[in-house]
Amino acid sequence: MPGVGVDAVLYRVVRAGPVRHRPSYVASEVVADPDDVLLDLLKRARGGGRTPLLDRVDPLGESVVDAEATQQLLAELRCLAELARTPAEVTHIRRLALLARRCLDRRDVEIRFEGD
C-alpha cells in the first residue's frame, strides 16, 4: 500500500503553566516517509531480536521514543543500516539518526513514529 509510510517527528515538550497540569508538545522537525522506506526496512528487521524498540513501531498508529531511549534507538538504527539495500534507505536512516542525536543531551524532547 504505497503512501502509508511512518513519519518520525521530533516533539519538544512545552511545560505546563500554573493553569494547565499536563505538558503539551510542539512538533519541531519531521522525517517524512512518503515512499515507505522506513516501513520496508522495519518489515525486514522485525523479529530478528536486534531492534525491539523499532519492532513496536505501528504502521497505522503512533509509537513514542522518549529521550531516555535515544541511545537504544541509535543502536537499532545501526542495525537497520546493515539491512539497507538502496541509497534511499541509507539516506533515510541517516536522517533518522540525526533526528535522534538531537535528543541525546535533552530531556524535553521525544520522537514519535506516526503511521498513517
N, C-alpha and C. Protein backbone atom coordinates (compact mmCIF):
# COMPACT_ATOMS: atom_id res chain seq x y z
N MET A 1 0.85 -1.18 0.00
CA MET A 1 0.00 0.00 0.00
C MET A 1 0.89 1.24 0.00
N PRO A 2 1.25 1.78 -1.14
CA PRO A 2 2.13 2.93 -1.21
C PRO A 2 1.53 4.14 -0.51
N GLY A 3 2.43 4.95 0.05
CA GLY A 3 1.99 6.19 0.65
C GLY A 3 1.56 6.08 2.10
N VAL A 4 1.56 4.86 2.66
CA VAL A 4 1.17 4.72 4.06
C VAL A 4 2.27 5.31 4.92
N GLY A 5 3.47 4.77 4.82
CA GLY A 5 4.65 5.33 5.48
C GLY A 5 4.53 5.56 6.97
N VAL A 6 5.68 5.69 7.58
CA VAL A 6 5.77 6.01 9.00
C VAL A 6 6.70 7.21 9.13
N ASP A 7 6.14 8.34 9.51
CA ASP A 7 6.94 9.55 9.69
C ASP A 7 7.54 9.57 11.09
N ALA A 8 8.74 10.09 11.21
CA ALA A 8 9.37 10.30 12.51
C ALA A 8 9.30 11.79 12.81
N VAL A 9 8.71 12.12 13.96
CA VAL A 9 8.51 13.53 14.30
C VAL A 9 9.16 13.82 15.65
N LEU A 10 10.00 14.83 15.68
CA LEU A 10 10.64 15.27 16.92
C LEU A 10 9.70 16.28 17.59
N TYR A 11 9.30 15.96 18.80
CA TYR A 11 8.43 16.85 19.57
C TYR A 11 9.20 17.43 20.74
N ARG A 12 8.94 18.69 20.99
CA ARG A 12 9.51 19.38 22.15
C ARG A 12 8.40 19.57 23.17
N VAL A 13 8.72 19.30 24.42
CA VAL A 13 7.75 19.46 25.50
C VAL A 13 7.64 20.94 25.85
N VAL A 14 6.41 21.43 25.91
CA VAL A 14 6.15 22.78 26.38
C VAL A 14 5.60 22.62 27.79
N ARG A 15 6.34 23.12 28.75
CA ARG A 15 5.97 22.93 30.16
C ARG A 15 4.59 23.47 30.47
N ALA A 16 3.93 22.76 31.34
CA ALA A 16 2.60 23.19 31.77
C ALA A 16 2.73 24.45 32.62
N GLY A 17 1.80 25.35 32.42
CA GLY A 17 1.76 26.57 33.23
C GLY A 17 0.97 26.31 34.50
N PRO A 18 0.73 27.35 35.30
CA PRO A 18 0.02 27.18 36.56
C PRO A 18 -1.42 26.70 36.37
N VAL A 19 -2.00 26.99 35.23
CA VAL A 19 -3.39 26.58 35.00
C VAL A 19 -3.46 25.18 34.39
N ARG A 20 -2.54 24.90 33.46
CA ARG A 20 -2.54 23.59 32.81
C ARG A 20 -1.68 22.63 33.60
N HIS A 21 -2.19 21.46 33.87
CA HIS A 21 -1.46 20.48 34.67
C HIS A 21 -0.64 19.52 33.83
N ARG A 22 -1.00 19.37 32.58
CA ARG A 22 -0.26 18.47 31.70
C ARG A 22 0.57 19.28 30.71
N PRO A 23 1.79 18.79 30.43
CA PRO A 23 2.59 19.48 29.41
C PRO A 23 1.98 19.24 28.03
N SER A 24 2.26 20.12 27.11
CA SER A 24 1.85 19.90 25.73
C SER A 24 3.11 19.75 24.89
N TYR A 25 2.92 19.35 23.66
CA TYR A 25 4.05 19.06 22.78
C TYR A 25 3.92 19.84 21.49
N VAL A 26 5.07 20.27 20.97
CA VAL A 26 5.11 21.00 19.71
C VAL A 26 6.05 20.25 18.77
N ALA A 27 5.55 19.94 17.57
CA ALA A 27 6.40 19.28 16.57
C ALA A 27 7.46 20.27 16.10
N SER A 28 8.72 19.85 16.13
CA SER A 28 9.77 20.78 15.72
C SER A 28 10.54 20.30 14.50
N GLU A 29 10.45 19.02 14.15
CA GLU A 29 11.17 18.53 12.97
C GLU A 29 10.53 17.21 12.54
N VAL A 30 10.47 16.99 11.23
CA VAL A 30 9.84 15.78 10.69
C VAL A 30 10.75 15.11 9.68
N VAL A 31 10.88 13.79 9.80
CA VAL A 31 11.49 12.99 8.74
C VAL A 31 10.34 12.19 8.14
N ALA A 32 9.84 12.69 7.01
CA ALA A 32 8.68 12.07 6.36
C ALA A 32 9.08 10.80 5.62
N ASP A 33 8.11 9.91 5.46
CA ASP A 33 8.36 8.63 4.79
C ASP A 33 7.27 8.35 3.75
N PRO A 34 7.10 9.24 2.76
CA PRO A 34 6.02 9.05 1.79
C PRO A 34 6.22 7.83 0.89
N ASP A 35 7.44 7.35 0.76
CA ASP A 35 7.71 6.21 -0.12
C ASP A 35 7.88 4.90 0.64
N ASP A 36 7.49 4.87 1.91
CA ASP A 36 7.51 3.65 2.72
C ASP A 36 8.92 3.08 2.94
N VAL A 37 9.93 3.91 2.88
CA VAL A 37 11.31 3.43 3.06
C VAL A 37 11.49 2.82 4.45
N LEU A 38 11.08 3.55 5.48
CA LEU A 38 11.23 3.04 6.84
C LEU A 38 10.36 1.81 7.05
N LEU A 39 9.17 1.85 6.55
CA LEU A 39 8.25 0.72 6.69
C LEU A 39 8.86 -0.55 6.10
N ASP A 40 9.46 -0.45 4.92
CA ASP A 40 10.10 -1.61 4.29
C ASP A 40 11.27 -2.12 5.13
N LEU A 41 12.08 -1.20 5.65
CA LEU A 41 13.21 -1.60 6.49
C LEU A 41 12.73 -2.28 7.77
N LEU A 42 11.69 -1.73 8.38
CA LEU A 42 11.16 -2.32 9.61
C LEU A 42 10.63 -3.73 9.37
N LYS A 43 9.99 -3.95 8.23
CA LYS A 43 9.50 -5.29 7.91
C LYS A 43 10.65 -6.28 7.79
N ARG A 44 11.75 -5.84 7.19
CA ARG A 44 12.93 -6.70 7.03
C ARG A 44 13.59 -7.02 8.36
N ALA A 45 13.60 -6.05 9.27
CA ALA A 45 14.30 -6.21 10.55
C ALA A 45 13.45 -6.92 11.61
N ARG A 46 12.15 -6.80 11.50
CA ARG A 46 11.23 -7.29 12.55
C ARG A 46 11.45 -8.76 12.85
N GLY A 47 11.47 -9.05 14.16
CA GLY A 47 11.56 -10.43 14.59
C GLY A 47 12.97 -10.97 14.72
N GLY A 48 13.95 -10.18 14.33
CA GLY A 48 15.32 -10.66 14.43
C GLY A 48 15.92 -10.52 15.82
N GLY A 49 15.23 -9.81 16.71
CA GLY A 49 15.70 -9.65 18.08
C GLY A 49 16.68 -8.51 18.29
N ARG A 50 17.08 -7.85 17.23
CA ARG A 50 18.08 -6.78 17.36
C ARG A 50 17.46 -5.40 17.42
N THR A 51 16.16 -5.30 17.13
CA THR A 51 15.50 -4.00 17.09
C THR A 51 14.18 -4.00 17.88
N PRO A 52 14.23 -4.33 19.17
CA PRO A 52 12.98 -4.44 19.95
C PRO A 52 12.20 -3.13 20.03
N LEU A 53 12.89 -2.02 20.09
CA LEU A 53 12.22 -0.72 20.15
C LEU A 53 11.51 -0.43 18.82
N LEU A 54 12.21 -0.61 17.72
CA LEU A 54 11.63 -0.36 16.41
C LEU A 54 10.59 -1.42 16.03
N ASP A 55 10.70 -2.62 16.60
CA ASP A 55 9.69 -3.66 16.34
C ASP A 55 8.32 -3.23 16.83
N ARG A 56 8.28 -2.30 17.78
CA ARG A 56 6.99 -1.84 18.33
C ARG A 56 6.36 -0.71 17.51
N VAL A 57 7.07 -0.22 16.49
CA VAL A 57 6.51 0.85 15.66
C VAL A 57 5.28 0.31 14.93
N ASP A 58 4.17 1.02 15.08
CA ASP A 58 2.90 0.62 14.48
C ASP A 58 2.68 1.42 13.20
N PRO A 59 2.62 0.74 12.04
CA PRO A 59 2.45 1.48 10.78
C PRO A 59 1.11 2.20 10.66
N LEU A 60 0.17 1.88 11.54
CA LEU A 60 -1.14 2.53 11.50
C LEU A 60 -1.41 3.39 12.72
N GLY A 61 -0.44 3.44 13.64
CA GLY A 61 -0.65 4.20 14.88
C GLY A 61 0.53 5.07 15.21
N GLU A 62 0.75 5.24 16.51
CA GLU A 62 1.83 6.11 16.98
C GLU A 62 2.66 5.37 18.02
N SER A 63 3.97 5.47 17.91
CA SER A 63 4.89 4.89 18.87
C SER A 63 5.83 5.99 19.35
N VAL A 64 6.00 6.09 20.66
CA VAL A 64 6.80 7.16 21.24
C VAL A 64 8.14 6.62 21.74
N VAL A 65 9.21 7.32 21.40
CA VAL A 65 10.54 7.04 21.92
C VAL A 65 10.96 8.27 22.71
N ASP A 66 11.06 8.12 24.02
CA ASP A 66 11.42 9.29 24.84
C ASP A 66 12.93 9.48 24.84
N ALA A 67 13.36 10.59 25.40
CA ALA A 67 14.77 10.98 25.36
C ALA A 67 15.67 9.91 25.99
N GLU A 68 15.17 9.23 27.03
CA GLU A 68 15.98 8.21 27.71
C GLU A 68 16.28 7.02 26.81
N ALA A 69 15.46 6.77 25.81
CA ALA A 69 15.64 5.62 24.92
C ALA A 69 16.42 5.96 23.65
N THR A 70 16.95 7.17 23.58
CA THR A 70 17.63 7.61 22.37
C THR A 70 18.85 6.77 22.03
N GLN A 71 19.65 6.42 23.02
CA GLN A 71 20.84 5.58 22.75
C GLN A 71 20.44 4.24 22.14
N GLN A 72 19.37 3.64 22.69
CA GLN A 72 18.89 2.37 22.14
C GLN A 72 18.40 2.56 20.71
N LEU A 73 17.69 3.65 20.46
CA LEU A 73 17.21 3.92 19.11
C LEU A 73 18.38 4.04 18.13
N LEU A 74 19.41 4.75 18.53
CA LEU A 74 20.58 4.90 17.65
C LEU A 74 21.23 3.54 17.36
N ALA A 75 21.32 2.69 18.37
CA ALA A 75 21.88 1.35 18.17
C ALA A 75 21.02 0.54 17.19
N GLU A 76 19.71 0.66 17.32
CA GLU A 76 18.81 -0.07 16.43
C GLU A 76 18.85 0.49 15.01
N LEU A 77 19.06 1.79 14.88
CA LEU A 77 19.20 2.37 13.55
C LEU A 77 20.47 1.85 12.87
N ARG A 78 21.52 1.59 13.65
CA ARG A 78 22.73 0.99 13.09
C ARG A 78 22.43 -0.42 12.56
N CYS A 79 21.58 -1.15 13.26
CA CYS A 79 21.16 -2.48 12.78
C CYS A 79 20.38 -2.36 11.48
N LEU A 80 19.50 -1.36 11.40
CA LEU A 80 18.75 -1.14 10.16
C LEU A 80 19.70 -0.80 9.02
N ALA A 81 20.74 -0.03 9.32
CA ALA A 81 21.70 0.37 8.29
C ALA A 81 22.36 -0.86 7.65
N GLU A 82 22.56 -1.90 8.44
CA GLU A 82 23.14 -3.14 7.90
C GLU A 82 22.20 -3.81 6.90
N LEU A 83 20.91 -3.54 7.00
CA LEU A 83 19.92 -4.14 6.10
C LEU A 83 19.62 -3.26 4.88
N ALA A 84 20.13 -2.03 4.90
CA ALA A 84 19.83 -1.08 3.81
C ALA A 84 20.37 -1.60 2.49
N ARG A 85 19.53 -1.53 1.46
CA ARG A 85 19.90 -2.04 0.14
C ARG A 85 20.00 -0.94 -0.91
N THR A 86 19.43 0.22 -0.63
CA THR A 86 19.40 1.28 -1.65
C THR A 86 19.92 2.59 -1.06
N PRO A 87 20.34 3.50 -1.91
CA PRO A 87 20.77 4.82 -1.42
C PRO A 87 19.64 5.53 -0.65
N ALA A 88 18.40 5.35 -1.08
CA ALA A 88 17.27 5.99 -0.39
C ALA A 88 17.15 5.46 1.05
N GLU A 89 17.39 4.17 1.23
CA GLU A 89 17.32 3.60 2.58
C GLU A 89 18.45 4.12 3.45
N VAL A 90 19.65 4.18 2.91
CA VAL A 90 20.80 4.70 3.65
C VAL A 90 20.55 6.15 4.06
N THR A 91 20.07 6.96 3.13
CA THR A 91 19.78 8.37 3.41
C THR A 91 18.71 8.51 4.48
N HIS A 92 17.68 7.70 4.40
CA HIS A 92 16.59 7.79 5.38
C HIS A 92 17.10 7.45 6.79
N ILE A 93 17.90 6.42 6.89
CA ILE A 93 18.46 6.04 8.19
C ILE A 93 19.35 7.15 8.74
N ARG A 94 20.14 7.76 7.88
CA ARG A 94 21.00 8.89 8.33
C ARG A 94 20.15 10.03 8.86
N ARG A 95 19.06 10.34 8.17
CA ARG A 95 18.17 11.43 8.62
C ARG A 95 17.54 11.09 9.96
N LEU A 96 17.14 9.83 10.14
CA LEU A 96 16.58 9.41 11.43
C LEU A 96 17.62 9.49 12.54
N ALA A 97 18.84 9.10 12.23
CA ALA A 97 19.92 9.16 13.23
C ALA A 97 20.21 10.61 13.62
N LEU A 98 20.20 11.52 12.67
CA LEU A 98 20.40 12.94 13.00
C LEU A 98 19.29 13.44 13.92
N LEU A 99 18.07 13.03 13.64
CA LEU A 99 16.93 13.41 14.47
C LEU A 99 17.14 12.87 15.90
N ALA A 100 17.53 11.62 15.99
CA ALA A 100 17.75 11.01 17.30
C ALA A 100 18.89 11.69 18.06
N ARG A 101 19.94 12.04 17.36
CA ARG A 101 21.08 12.70 18.03
C ARG A 101 20.69 14.05 18.64
N ARG A 102 19.69 14.69 18.08
CA ARG A 102 19.21 15.95 18.65
C ARG A 102 18.61 15.74 20.04
N CYS A 103 18.25 14.51 20.34
CA CYS A 103 17.64 14.18 21.64
C CYS A 103 18.66 13.80 22.70
N LEU A 104 19.88 13.51 22.31
CA LEU A 104 20.86 12.93 23.23
C LEU A 104 21.07 13.72 24.51
N ASP A 105 21.22 15.01 24.40
CA ASP A 105 21.54 15.82 25.57
C ASP A 105 20.35 16.59 26.12
N ARG A 106 19.16 16.17 25.72
CA ARG A 106 17.96 16.91 26.14
C ARG A 106 16.99 15.96 26.81
N ARG A 107 16.19 16.51 27.68
CA ARG A 107 15.16 15.71 28.34
C ARG A 107 13.77 16.21 27.97
N ASP A 108 13.71 17.29 27.20
CA ASP A 108 12.42 17.90 26.89
C ASP A 108 11.94 17.57 25.48
N VAL A 109 12.40 16.42 24.96
CA VAL A 109 12.01 16.03 23.60
C VAL A 109 11.64 14.56 23.56
N GLU A 110 10.92 14.20 22.52
CA GLU A 110 10.64 12.80 22.24
C GLU A 110 10.44 12.66 20.75
N ILE A 111 10.64 11.45 20.27
CA ILE A 111 10.40 11.15 18.86
C ILE A 111 9.17 10.28 18.80
N ARG A 112 8.27 10.65 17.92
CA ARG A 112 7.08 9.82 17.70
C ARG A 112 7.12 9.30 16.28
N PHE A 113 6.97 8.00 16.16
CA PHE A 113 6.81 7.39 14.85
C PHE A 113 5.31 7.34 14.59
N GLU A 114 4.88 8.08 13.57
CA GLU A 114 3.46 8.25 13.30
C GLU A 114 3.10 7.60 11.97
N GLY A 115 2.30 6.55 12.06
CA GLY A 115 1.82 5.87 10.86
C GLY A 115 0.58 6.55 10.33
N ASP A 116 0.22 6.20 9.13
CA ASP A 116 -0.96 6.80 8.50
C ASP A 116 -2.21 6.07 8.91
